[in-house]
Structure formats: C-alpha cells, structure tokens
C-alpha cells in the first residue's frame, strides 16, 4: 500500500496549523488546539470533498478522545487496522472539536447553560446530519434519524439562537450535550418554573423579542426567541416571536414535550410533535443524575479483526452515565473489566468469542446497566485483493473464517469456471493468492457448515 500526502482540513475556531505525515503504515496528523477548557477531539475523513464524513476513526492514539487541553497536538491513525484498503487521491481529514465548557448560570439547585446549543455531533463524536430541504426533514423524521438545521438555513442565525434539532437528535442516547451536561426533562423544567414562581420574564432574554416582550432576565438564563421548524410544512416560524425548547423523554415511545415561550409573554410545558425542530438548552448533572432509559442502556457492540496480542477487538459507543464497562466471555457466568486496548469502549481477545456481551457500569443509583445483545465476530468476504508482491493485501484473507473449521470456500470466474476451492479455509495454509488468475471480478461462495448460517456470497476483484 502506497501512502502519499493529502489535503487535511480542520473545522472549528480552536484548531489550526494542521499538517499530515506518513510514518510507515500510519498517518500522523499534527494540529494546534487553542482552548482554555478541555475539549473532546475526534478525527474523520472524507472521500468526496466533505459531502460525507467517515468516522469518528477508532484506531487512533495520541491527542484524541476526551479532555484534551490546548497546545501543539498530534494524532496517530493506524490505517490498515481500521480499513482493508485506502486510496488517498482527493482524501481530506477533519479534526473535530467539542468544547467541554458552557457559560453557566445557577438557578436554585440547578445549573443551566446560558446559551442555546450549537453542535453538529453527539458527545461520542458521531456526526448529526444537517438537513435543509423540507422533503428531507420529513424523511429523516419518518426514519427516526437525528437531524439539525439553522433557522431559515442561515448560519448567521446560529450566533444568537444556536441550531434547531429534531426529536430524534434530542432523544438520542449518545447525548447532544457535552460530558457532565444533559438535555433537561419535564421534571427539570417544572422545577425551574417552581423556583421562579412561574415568572416568565425572569427567564426571558433582555433583547431580540418583538412587541416589547423583552424580559428582565433576572435569573440570567436568557431564553431567546429562536423560533422553530414547523411540523406541518417543515417551514421556519417564530424568530423573535417565540421559542420552543426540546425536552428529553422518559421513553422514546412517549409523545414529545416542549418548553415554550409564546408571543403573548406566557411560558410553560406542553405536548408537542415529533416533526418539529427545537432549540436546546443543557443542564449540569450535579448529582450524576444522567439521562436514563432502562437506567443505563445496553451498549451496541461491533467486532473487528485486530492485530498483535488481540486478534479480535470488540468496540461500542460510549453509554451516557457509564464510568466503566464489564464484559463476559462465558455467557454471563463471569464478568470482568474491559481491557480497553483501543480506548475505554473496547475489549480485545486472542480468540473469537461466540457470544460476547457488554454491560455499562455507573454510579449513584444506577450501578449496572442493561446487557448488550450477544455478538460474535461475523465472517466478512473482502471485495478486493492486490497480489502484486508487496505483501500488502496480497492474499484473500477472510476475517473470522477460522471460527468455522468445517467451512468450504469456492471461487468462480466470470464464465462460471471454478478457479479455487478449499475445505477448512484458514487464511494461512489454505488461502487464495490469485495465482494464475488474471485481473478481473470473481464470484465467491462461503459455506460455514455450521447448521445455521446461509451460504455467503460476494464479488472479489483481483487488481495488480
């Protein structure tokens, strides 16, 4: 695999001086982070000039992840441990920052953010789609996918009013708010109103409201008339007239609620619509009272082929409220701490585990979360080999095939002629190297012979 330099871009006002350097089969990205507060850092790449970002990348080390302080920084990406192949023509990278700091205001026993939320990704680094067109907004809501937009699709509105988020972004378990903060619930808003004795002027900003409806903002919370995206037509309504603030649900199945500030000066809680685009305020988890659905939710686990000591690496997205994770390799008889080879949400194993399970560990009232679904390492048929003698992707390596010793592998050319077959394919003594086969596309059949899995098929390209 030949690596070459490529364009690297950084987004966000806190990242500058980004450079890239090839070091063997890794890429070192250097950057300068200017911030007085700790930041979360994620790395992404794009193959289409930024239209679609892939990431956050997991096989990274260095100044990436949580609680990164300002200064000259570097990230090392182990490319081939995360992707089978990588072409660098036209590739760009993004260093994503997320500030772990808010302007805060204390109101009674609560601590709130003093500004509307302005982020384009969840706390785990997952990017949220910007959705401009009305038809697309409806599609995202219909498919229960998270989305955001600027009011009137004008980024200048973000300076005062933040972004608008759909229900599925607000209710997402990955959390919109930075670590240590959360989206307020119905109970949180009710406690706020009780403390201010239902005085709407005390939480309304002192400017930007039309018809002389500016508040006295006694609490310094300063809720703004940021408008909303309408449920019926996905149009934009209410800027400088009213504000609709999203509420975190107790269950994804319950009808959404909203905290409203209306043009007539009133405010309060009301039922809402799944299709609306809301503003968001965050509040601090003073007592680790984290967002909860089934206390701590079950992690969603993936399996990848590893390297070195750990031939298999299991990974999962961070669970809000978790302080650590436990895993079981024997179906739940024994639980052990995750050995975190590639970060806090990973576990490595020298052998494949047929039924690997993870659970989150919290604090306070929620000690143990729900178990993940059992998962093994899936057999995946690669789509290309490049047997040019450079010892990189020269052989047809089928991840996890060794878990099924009774397997049968057959490779057929475009004319239906068998060019390779093997019983007990094992990626070492029994492996296809493309010998005698010209460049082109071949058909692959893999029968695991486990009495359960259907025959797997796929196309294999040989390209020298």
Protein backbone atom coordinates (compact mmCIF):
# COMPACT_ATOMS: atom_id res chain seq x y z
CA UNK A 1 0.00 0.00 0.00
CA UNK A 2 1.50 3.32 -1.06
CA UNK A 3 0.76 6.27 1.18
CA UNK A 4 1.09 9.84 -0.01
CA UNK A 5 0.41 13.30 1.33
CA UNK A 6 -3.07 14.68 1.00
CA UNK A 7 -5.06 17.73 1.96
CA UNK A 8 -6.09 17.99 5.61
CA UNK A 9 -8.67 20.44 6.92
CA UNK A 10 -9.72 21.34 10.44
CA UNK A 11 -13.10 22.73 11.39
CA UNK A 12 -13.87 24.87 14.37
CA UNK A 13 -12.20 28.05 15.51
CA UNK A 14 -10.00 26.26 18.02
CA UNK A 15 -7.97 24.11 15.57
CA UNK A 16 -5.17 25.43 13.34
CA UNK A 17 -1.75 24.58 11.86
CA UNK A 18 -2.82 21.14 10.69
CA UNK A 19 -0.24 19.00 8.87
CA UNK A 20 -0.04 15.34 7.85
CA UNK A 21 2.92 12.99 7.68
CA UNK A 22 3.27 9.40 6.55
CA UNK A 23 5.05 7.13 9.02
CA UNK A 24 5.11 3.59 7.68
CA UNK A 25 1.52 2.35 7.56
CA UNK A 26 0.30 5.07 9.90
CA UNK A 27 -0.57 8.70 9.41
CA UNK A 28 0.45 11.38 11.89
CA UNK A 29 -1.76 14.45 11.98
CA UNK A 30 -0.35 17.43 13.88
CA UNK A 31 -2.51 20.34 14.92
CA UNK A 32 -2.69 23.26 17.34
CA UNK A 33 -5.60 23.43 19.76
CA UNK A 34 -6.34 26.85 21.23
CA UNK A 35 -8.68 26.50 24.19
CA UNK A 36 -8.67 27.40 27.85
CA UNK A 37 -11.00 24.50 28.60
CA UNK A 38 -10.81 20.77 27.97
CA UNK A 39 -12.13 19.59 24.60
CA UNK A 40 -13.24 16.31 23.08
CA UNK A 41 -11.32 15.61 19.86
CA UNK A 42 -12.41 13.27 17.04
CA UNK A 43 -10.87 12.51 13.64
CA UNK A 44 -12.82 11.99 10.39
CA UNK A 45 -12.01 11.63 6.70
CA UNK A 46 -13.92 12.29 3.51
CA UNK A 47 -13.55 10.85 0.01
CA UNK A 48 -15.86 13.37 -1.67
CA UNK A 49 -14.52 16.75 -0.58
CA UNK A 50 -16.54 16.88 2.62
CA UNK A 51 -20.01 15.89 1.38
CA UNK A 52 -19.88 12.76 3.56
CA UNK A 53 -17.60 12.30 6.56
CA UNK A 54 -16.48 8.87 7.76
CA UNK A 55 -15.74 8.47 11.45
CA UNK A 56 -15.02 9.09 14.18
CA UNK A 57 -11.96 6.93 13.49
CA UNK A 58 -11.33 4.36 16.21
CA UNK A 59 -7.80 3.10 15.63
CA UNK A 60 -6.27 6.38 16.71
CA UNK A 61 -3.97 7.33 19.55
CA UNK A 62 -2.31 10.43 20.91
CA UNK A 63 -4.15 13.71 21.45
CA UNK A 64 -7.61 12.41 20.57
CA UNK A 65 -10.62 11.49 22.67
CA UNK A 66 -11.80 13.16 25.82
CA UNK A 67 -10.41 16.01 27.93
CA UNK A 68 -7.71 17.25 25.56
CA UNK A 69 -6.14 20.51 26.70
CA UNK A 70 -4.77 23.27 24.45
CA UNK A 71 -1.34 23.21 22.82
CA UNK A 72 0.52 21.57 19.95
CA UNK A 73 -1.02 18.14 19.45
CA UNK A 74 -0.72 15.02 17.32
CA UNK A 75 -2.91 12.06 16.37
CA UNK A 76 -1.63 8.74 15.01
CA UNK A 77 -4.03 6.75 12.82
CA UNK A 78 -3.20 3.06 12.28
CA UNK A 79 -4.79 2.95 8.84
CA UNK A 80 -4.70 -0.73 7.95
CA UNK A 81 -6.01 -1.87 11.33
CA UNK A 82 -9.24 0.03 10.65
CA UNK A 83 -9.76 -0.28 6.89
CA UNK A 84 -8.78 -3.06 4.49
CA UNK A 85 -7.69 -0.65 1.78
CA UNK A 86 -7.38 3.08 1.42
CA UNK A 87 -6.89 5.26 -1.65
CA UNK A 88 -5.63 8.72 -0.86
CA UNK A 89 -6.44 10.63 -4.02
CA UNK A 90 -8.64 13.55 -3.00
CA UNK A 91 -8.93 12.49 0.64
CA UNK A 92 -9.40 15.22 3.25
CA UNK A 93 -9.41 14.94 7.03
CA UNK A 94 -11.32 16.81 9.69
CA UNK A 95 -10.21 17.36 13.29
CA UNK A 96 -13.48 17.82 15.16
CA UNK A 97 -13.51 19.71 18.46
CA UNK A 98 -16.17 19.86 21.08
CA UNK A 99 -15.72 22.26 23.99
CA UNK A 100 -16.36 20.77 27.40
CA UNK A 101 -17.39 24.12 28.75
CA UNK A 102 -20.52 26.25 28.80
CA UNK A 103 -21.43 29.65 30.08
CA UNK A 104 -23.32 28.51 33.15
CA UNK A 105 -25.96 30.01 35.38
CA UNK A 106 -27.05 28.64 38.76
CA UNK A 107 -30.78 28.82 39.47
CA UNK A 108 -31.76 27.29 42.79
CA UNK A 109 -30.24 23.81 42.89
CA UNK A 110 -29.89 23.64 39.12
CA UNK A 111 -27.05 24.70 36.83
CA UNK A 112 -28.10 25.56 33.27
CA UNK A 113 -26.23 26.57 30.14
CA UNK A 114 -26.71 30.27 29.46
CA UNK A 115 -26.70 29.82 25.67
CA UNK A 116 -28.61 27.79 23.11
CA UNK A 117 -26.83 24.65 21.95
CA UNK A 118 -24.64 24.90 18.84
CA UNK A 119 -23.12 21.49 17.96
CA UNK A 120 -23.23 19.22 14.91
CA UNK A 121 -22.32 15.93 16.60
CA UNK A 122 -23.13 13.82 19.64
CA UNK A 123 -20.86 13.55 22.64
CA UNK A 124 -19.34 10.32 21.25
CA UNK A 125 -18.24 12.18 18.11
CA UNK A 126 -20.95 10.83 15.80
CA UNK A 127 -21.87 13.45 13.20
CA UNK A 128 -25.51 14.65 13.03
CA UNK A 129 -26.78 15.39 9.52
CA UNK A 130 -27.61 18.94 8.54
CA UNK A 131 -30.97 18.82 6.75
CA UNK A 132 -32.03 21.85 4.73
CA UNK A 133 -34.79 20.75 2.37
CA UNK A 134 -38.31 20.32 3.76
CA UNK A 135 -38.77 16.98 1.98
CA UNK A 136 -35.57 15.66 3.55
CA UNK A 137 -36.63 16.89 7.00
CA UNK A 138 -39.80 14.80 6.69
CA UNK A 139 -37.79 11.78 5.53
CA UNK A 140 -35.38 11.98 8.47
CA UNK A 141 -38.25 12.16 10.94
CA UNK A 142 -40.09 9.31 9.23
CA UNK A 143 -36.97 7.14 9.51
CA UNK A 144 -36.36 8.33 13.09
CA UNK A 145 -32.94 9.70 12.18
CA UNK A 146 -31.33 12.65 14.05
CA UNK A 147 -31.02 15.94 12.18
CA UNK A 148 -30.33 19.64 12.69
CA UNK A 149 -30.63 22.89 10.76
CA UNK A 150 -30.04 26.62 11.10
CA UNK A 151 -33.14 28.77 11.32
CA UNK A 152 -34.10 29.59 7.74
CA UNK A 153 -30.98 27.60 6.73
CA UNK A 154 -28.97 30.76 7.50
CA UNK A 155 -25.81 30.13 9.55
CA UNK A 156 -25.75 33.74 10.77
CA UNK A 157 -28.82 32.96 12.91
CA UNK A 158 -26.69 30.49 14.86
CA UNK A 159 -24.69 33.25 16.58
CA UNK A 160 -27.60 34.28 18.77
CA UNK A 161 -30.03 31.42 18.51
CA UNK A 162 -27.99 28.23 18.14
CA UNK A 163 -29.21 25.37 15.97
CA UNK A 164 -32.57 23.61 15.70
CA UNK A 165 -32.70 19.85 16.35
CA UNK A 166 -35.34 17.24 15.62
CA UNK A 167 -36.75 14.97 18.30
CA UNK A 168 -34.50 12.07 17.34
CA UNK A 169 -31.39 14.13 17.97
CA UNK A 170 -32.70 15.41 21.29
CA UNK A 171 -33.75 11.94 22.50
CA UNK A 172 -30.63 10.15 21.23
CA UNK A 173 -28.83 8.15 23.92
CA UNK A 174 -25.43 9.41 22.70
CA UNK A 175 -26.41 12.84 24.04
CA UNK A 176 -26.31 16.23 22.36
CA UNK A 177 -24.87 17.93 25.43
CA UNK A 178 -21.18 17.81 26.47
CA UNK A 179 -19.99 15.39 29.12
CA UNK A 180 -21.30 16.43 32.51
CA UNK A 181 -24.40 18.03 30.96
CA UNK A 182 -27.70 16.67 29.66
CA UNK A 183 -30.89 17.72 27.93
CA UNK A 184 -33.44 18.78 30.60
CA UNK A 185 -36.50 16.65 31.31
CA UNK A 186 -40.08 17.66 32.06
CA UNK A 187 -39.22 17.47 35.76
CA UNK A 188 -36.23 19.79 35.29
CA UNK A 189 -38.28 22.47 33.56
CA UNK A 190 -41.04 22.12 36.17
CA UNK A 191 -38.52 22.59 38.98
CA UNK A 192 -37.19 25.72 37.26
CA UNK A 193 -40.67 27.24 36.94
CA UNK A 194 -41.45 26.42 40.54
CA UNK A 195 -38.27 28.16 41.70
CA UNK A 196 -39.04 31.36 39.74
CA UNK A 197 -42.69 31.22 40.83
CA UNK A 198 -43.92 30.93 37.22
CA UNK A 199 -42.33 34.30 36.38
CA UNK A 200 -41.65 34.07 32.64
CA UNK A 201 -39.95 37.47 32.45
CA UNK A 202 -37.22 36.26 34.80
CA UNK A 203 -36.01 33.62 32.31
CA UNK A 204 -36.62 35.60 29.10
CA UNK A 205 -33.67 37.41 27.44
CA UNK A 206 -33.47 41.19 27.67
CA UNK A 207 -33.29 41.67 23.90
CA UNK A 208 -34.40 40.32 20.50
CA UNK A 209 -38.11 39.97 21.32
CA UNK A 210 -40.54 41.99 19.21
CA UNK A 211 -43.61 43.82 20.52
CA UNK A 212 -41.80 44.92 23.71
CA UNK A 213 -41.74 41.41 25.10
CA UNK A 214 -38.14 41.55 26.31
CA UNK A 215 -37.79 40.02 29.75
CA UNK A 216 -35.91 41.26 32.81
CA UNK A 217 -33.76 38.07 32.73
CA UNK A 218 -33.40 38.16 36.49
CA UNK A 219 -32.14 34.55 36.54
CA UNK A 220 -29.58 35.25 33.72
CA UNK A 221 -30.91 32.18 31.89
CA UNK A 222 -31.82 34.39 28.92
CA UNK A 223 -34.09 32.14 26.85
CA UNK A 224 -34.26 33.56 23.33
CA UNK A 225 -36.99 33.82 20.67
CA UNK A 226 -35.18 31.38 18.41
CA UNK A 227 -38.27 30.18 16.54
CA UNK A 228 -38.71 26.61 15.33
CA UNK A 229 -39.10 24.40 12.28
CA UNK A 230 -42.76 23.76 11.67
CA UNK A 231 -44.19 20.23 11.88
CA UNK A 232 -46.66 20.54 9.01
CA UNK A 233 -44.57 22.06 6.21
CA UNK A 234 -41.06 21.99 7.72
CA UNK A 235 -41.01 25.76 7.22
CA UNK A 236 -39.40 28.19 9.66
CA UNK A 237 -41.65 30.13 12.01
CA UNK A 238 -41.43 32.38 15.05
CA UNK A 239 -37.98 34.01 15.03
CA UNK A 240 -38.01 36.92 17.52
CA UNK A 241 -41.57 35.92 18.45
CA UNK A 242 -41.34 32.69 20.43
CA UNK A 243 -39.01 29.92 21.49
CA UNK A 244 -39.53 26.15 21.61
CA UNK A 245 -37.01 24.19 23.69
CA UNK A 246 -36.64 20.44 23.40
CA UNK A 247 -37.31 18.15 26.37
CA UNK A 248 -35.62 14.81 26.99
CA UNK A 249 -38.23 12.00 27.11
CA UNK A 250 -38.54 9.24 29.69
CA UNK A 251 -39.16 6.85 26.81
CA UNK A 252 -38.68 7.08 23.06
CA UNK A 253 -42.29 5.92 22.67
CA UNK A 254 -43.88 8.74 24.64
CA UNK A 255 -45.26 11.82 22.94
CA UNK A 256 -42.64 14.60 22.96
CA UNK A 257 -42.91 17.60 25.23
CA UNK A 258 -41.68 21.14 24.69
CA UNK A 259 -40.95 24.15 26.88
CA UNK A 260 -42.41 27.16 25.10
CA UNK A 261 -42.17 30.93 25.43
CA UNK A 262 -45.04 32.45 23.46
CA UNK A 263 -45.59 35.87 21.80
CA UNK A 264 -48.12 36.82 24.49
CA UNK A 265 -45.49 36.54 27.23
CA UNK A 266 -46.57 33.21 28.68
CA UNK A 267 -44.32 30.17 29.07
CA UNK A 268 -44.56 26.58 30.25
CA UNK A 269 -44.61 22.92 29.28
CA UNK A 270 -46.81 21.44 26.58
CA UNK A 271 -47.12 18.35 24.40
CA UNK A 272 -45.50 18.74 21.02
CA UNK A 273 -44.86 16.97 17.70
CA UNK A 274 -42.10 14.58 16.64
CA UNK A 275 -41.51 16.57 13.44
CA UNK A 276 -40.69 19.98 14.95
CA UNK A 277 -37.18 21.47 15.00
CA UNK A 278 -36.40 22.70 18.53
CA UNK A 279 -33.76 24.79 20.26
CA UNK A 280 -31.88 23.09 23.08
CA UNK A 281 -30.51 24.18 26.45
CA UNK A 282 -28.37 21.86 28.57
CA UNK A 283 -28.14 21.47 32.31
CA UNK A 284 -25.43 20.11 34.52
CA UNK A 285 -25.61 16.64 36.06
CA UNK A 286 -25.00 17.92 39.57
CA UNK A 287 -25.68 14.54 41.20
CA UNK A 288 -24.75 12.34 38.21
CA UNK A 289 -28.48 12.19 37.50
CA UNK A 290 -27.75 11.09 33.95
CA UNK A 291 -30.28 10.66 31.21
CA UNK A 292 -31.80 7.25 31.63
CA UNK A 293 -33.84 4.76 29.68
CA UNK A 294 -33.63 1.39 31.39
CA UNK A 295 -31.20 3.09 33.83
CA UNK A 296 -28.03 2.62 31.78
CA UNK A 297 -28.86 1.44 28.25
CA UNK A 298 -27.32 -1.60 26.63
CA UNK A 299 -24.18 -0.91 24.58
CA UNK A 300 -24.33 -1.62 20.85
CA UNK A 301 -21.31 -3.80 20.11
CA UNK A 302 -19.28 -4.34 16.95
CA UNK A 303 -16.45 -6.78 16.27
CA UNK A 304 -13.32 -6.16 14.20
CA UNK A 305 -10.25 -8.16 13.36
CA UNK A 306 -7.35 -6.90 15.47
CA UNK A 307 -3.58 -7.22 15.38
CA UNK A 308 -0.83 -8.45 17.65
CA UNK A 309 -1.94 -9.69 21.07
CA UNK A 310 -5.63 -9.12 20.35
CA UNK A 311 -6.75 -10.92 17.22
CA UNK A 312 -10.31 -9.73 17.80
CA UNK A 313 -11.36 -6.32 19.12
CA UNK A 314 -14.90 -5.53 20.25
CA UNK A 315 -15.97 -1.89 20.38
CA UNK A 316 -19.09 0.04 21.34
CA UNK A 317 -20.32 3.62 21.56
CA UNK A 318 -19.96 5.35 24.92
CA UNK A 319 -23.02 4.94 27.17
CA UNK A 320 -24.12 8.15 28.84
CA UNK A 321 -23.57 7.93 32.61
CA UNK A 322 -21.16 4.99 32.41
CA UNK A 323 -17.90 5.19 34.35
CA UNK A 324 -16.58 1.83 33.11
CA UNK A 325 -17.64 -1.38 31.36
CA UNK A 326 -17.71 -5.08 32.16
CA UNK A 327 -17.66 -7.95 29.67
CA UNK A 328 -18.40 -11.66 29.78
CA UNK A 329 -16.77 -14.30 27.63
CA UNK A 330 -18.78 -17.23 29.03
CA UNK A 331 -22.38 -16.13 28.51
CA UNK A 332 -22.74 -14.21 31.76
CA UNK A 333 -21.29 -16.65 34.30
CA UNK A 334 -18.26 -14.45 34.94
CA UNK A 335 -17.97 -10.69 34.41
CA UNK A 336 -14.60 -8.95 34.11
CA UNK A 337 -13.46 -5.40 33.45
CA UNK A 338 -12.96 -4.49 29.78
CA UNK A 339 -9.23 -4.48 28.98
CA UNK A 340 -9.55 -1.31 26.83
CA UNK A 341 -6.82 -1.92 24.21
CA UNK A 342 -8.02 0.92 21.98
CA UNK A 343 -9.84 3.18 24.42
CA UNK A 344 -12.41 2.90 27.23
CA UNK A 345 -15.11 1.41 24.96
CA UNK A 346 -13.09 -1.57 23.67
CA UNK A 347 -12.12 -5.11 24.65
CA UNK A 348 -9.56 -7.34 22.97
CA UNK A 349 -9.34 -11.12 22.81
CA UNK A 350 -6.80 -13.55 21.38
CA UNK A 351 -9.59 -15.88 20.28
CA UNK A 352 -13.05 -15.38 18.84
CA UNK A 353 -15.82 -15.36 21.45
CA UNK A 354 -19.05 -16.93 20.15
CA UNK A 355 -21.31 -14.95 22.49
CA UNK A 356 -19.61 -11.78 23.71
CA UNK A 357 -21.70 -9.48 25.98
CA UNK A 358 -21.02 -6.00 27.42
CA UNK A 359 -22.71 -4.00 30.16
CA UNK A 360 -22.14 -0.45 31.38
CA UNK A 361 -21.20 0.31 34.99
CA UNK A 362 -22.45 3.56 36.52
CA UNK A 363 -22.52 5.26 39.89
CA UNK A 364 -25.15 6.60 42.24
CA UNK A 365 -28.47 4.80 41.98
CA UNK A 366 -27.62 3.13 38.70
CA UNK A 367 -24.75 0.72 39.25
CA UNK A 368 -25.26 -1.82 36.47
CA UNK A 369 -26.79 -1.20 33.05
CA UNK A 370 -28.60 -3.47 30.64
CA UNK A 371 -26.66 -6.20 28.81
CA UNK A 372 -25.80 -5.81 25.16
CA UNK A 373 -27.07 -8.34 22.67
CA UNK A 374 -24.72 -11.34 22.34
CA UNK A 375 -22.37 -10.87 19.41
CA UNK A 376 -19.69 -12.89 17.66
CA UNK A 377 -17.23 -11.82 15.01
CA UNK A 378 -19.02 -12.03 11.67
CA UNK A 379 -17.40 -13.68 8.68
CA UNK A 380 -16.89 -10.95 6.10
CA UNK A 381 -15.99 -11.53 2.45
CA UNK A 382 -13.42 -8.93 1.30
CA UNK A 383 -14.11 -7.28 -2.05
CA UNK A 384 -10.57 -6.90 -3.43
CA UNK A 385 -7.03 -8.26 -3.30
CA UNK A 386 -3.92 -6.74 -4.88
CA UNK A 387 -1.46 -9.63 -5.34
CA UNK A 388 1.44 -7.55 -6.65
CA UNK A 389 4.09 -8.95 -4.32
CA UNK A 390 4.30 -6.01 -1.92
CA UNK A 391 2.97 -8.17 0.96
CA UNK A 392 0.02 -5.85 1.43
CA UNK A 393 -3.37 -7.34 0.66
CA UNK A 394 -1.69 -9.99 -1.50
CA UNK A 395 -3.90 -12.80 -0.17
CA UNK A 396 -7.65 -13.35 0.16
CA UNK A 397 -7.97 -13.08 3.96
CA UNK A 398 -11.50 -13.81 5.18
CA UNK A 399 -11.89 -12.34 8.70
CA UNK A 400 -13.08 -14.85 11.31
CA UNK A 401 -13.28 -17.80 8.90
CA UNK A 402 -11.12 -19.86 11.29
CA UNK A 403 -14.04 -19.90 13.73
CA UNK A 404 -15.69 -22.39 11.37
CA UNK A 405 -13.21 -25.24 10.72
CA UNK A 406 -15.72 -27.16 8.57
CA UNK A 407 -16.07 -24.31 6.09
CA UNK A 408 -15.96 -24.62 2.30
CA UNK A 409 -14.74 -21.81 0.05
CA UNK A 410 -15.21 -21.73 -3.72
CA UNK A 411 -14.12 -19.03 -6.21
CA UNK A 412 -15.56 -18.91 -9.75
CA UNK A 413 -14.58 -16.75 -12.70
CA UNK A 414 -16.97 -14.75 -14.90
CA UNK A 415 -17.51 -17.72 -17.23
CA UNK A 416 -18.63 -19.99 -14.37
CA UNK A 417 -15.39 -21.96 -14.13
CA UNK A 418 -14.06 -22.84 -10.70
CA UNK A 419 -10.57 -21.37 -10.15
CA UNK A 420 -10.16 -22.23 -6.47
CA UNK A 421 -11.80 -24.36 -3.79
CA UNK A 422 -10.82 -25.45 -0.29
CA UNK A 423 -12.29 -27.23 2.70
CA UNK A 424 -11.25 -25.76 6.04
CA UNK A 425 -10.05 -22.43 4.61
CA UNK A 426 -7.84 -20.88 7.34
CA UNK A 427 -6.11 -17.79 5.86
CA UNK A 428 -2.68 -19.44 6.27
CA UNK A 429 -2.04 -22.91 4.84
CA UNK A 430 -5.27 -22.78 2.88
CA UNK A 431 -5.56 -19.36 1.30
CA UNK A 432 -6.28 -17.98 -2.18
CA UNK A 433 -3.46 -15.85 -3.61
CA UNK A 434 -4.83 -15.20 -7.07
CA UNK A 435 -2.19 -17.39 -8.67
CA UNK A 436 -2.89 -17.99 -12.35
CA UNK A 437 -5.92 -15.71 -12.32
CA UNK A 438 -5.94 -12.55 -14.46
CA UNK A 439 -7.20 -9.24 -13.10
CA UNK A 440 -10.97 -9.05 -13.03
CA UNK A 441 -14.07 -9.81 -10.98
CA UNK A 442 -14.72 -13.27 -9.49
CA UNK A 443 -17.66 -14.80 -7.63
CA UNK A 444 -17.11 -16.18 -4.11
CA UNK A 445 -19.21 -18.72 -2.17
CA UNK A 446 -18.51 -19.42 1.51
CA UNK A 447 -20.36 -22.24 3.26
CA UNK A 448 -19.66 -22.17 7.00
CA UNK A 449 -21.34 -25.57 7.51
CA UNK A 450 -22.46 -24.59 11.00
CA UNK A 451 -26.03 -25.78 10.51
CA UNK A 452 -27.36 -22.23 10.88
CA UNK A 453 -25.75 -19.59 8.64
CA UNK A 454 -26.86 -19.43 5.00
CA UNK A 455 -24.20 -19.68 2.31
CA UNK A 456 -22.42 -16.33 2.00
CA UNK A 457 -21.68 -14.90 -1.44
CA UNK A 458 -19.77 -11.93 -2.74
CA UNK A 459 -17.70 -10.48 -5.57
CA UNK A 460 -13.91 -10.44 -5.41
CA UNK A 461 -11.84 -8.08 -7.59
CA UNK A 462 -8.25 -9.00 -8.41
CA UNK A 463 -6.24 -5.87 -9.19
CA UNK A 464 -2.47 -5.84 -9.54
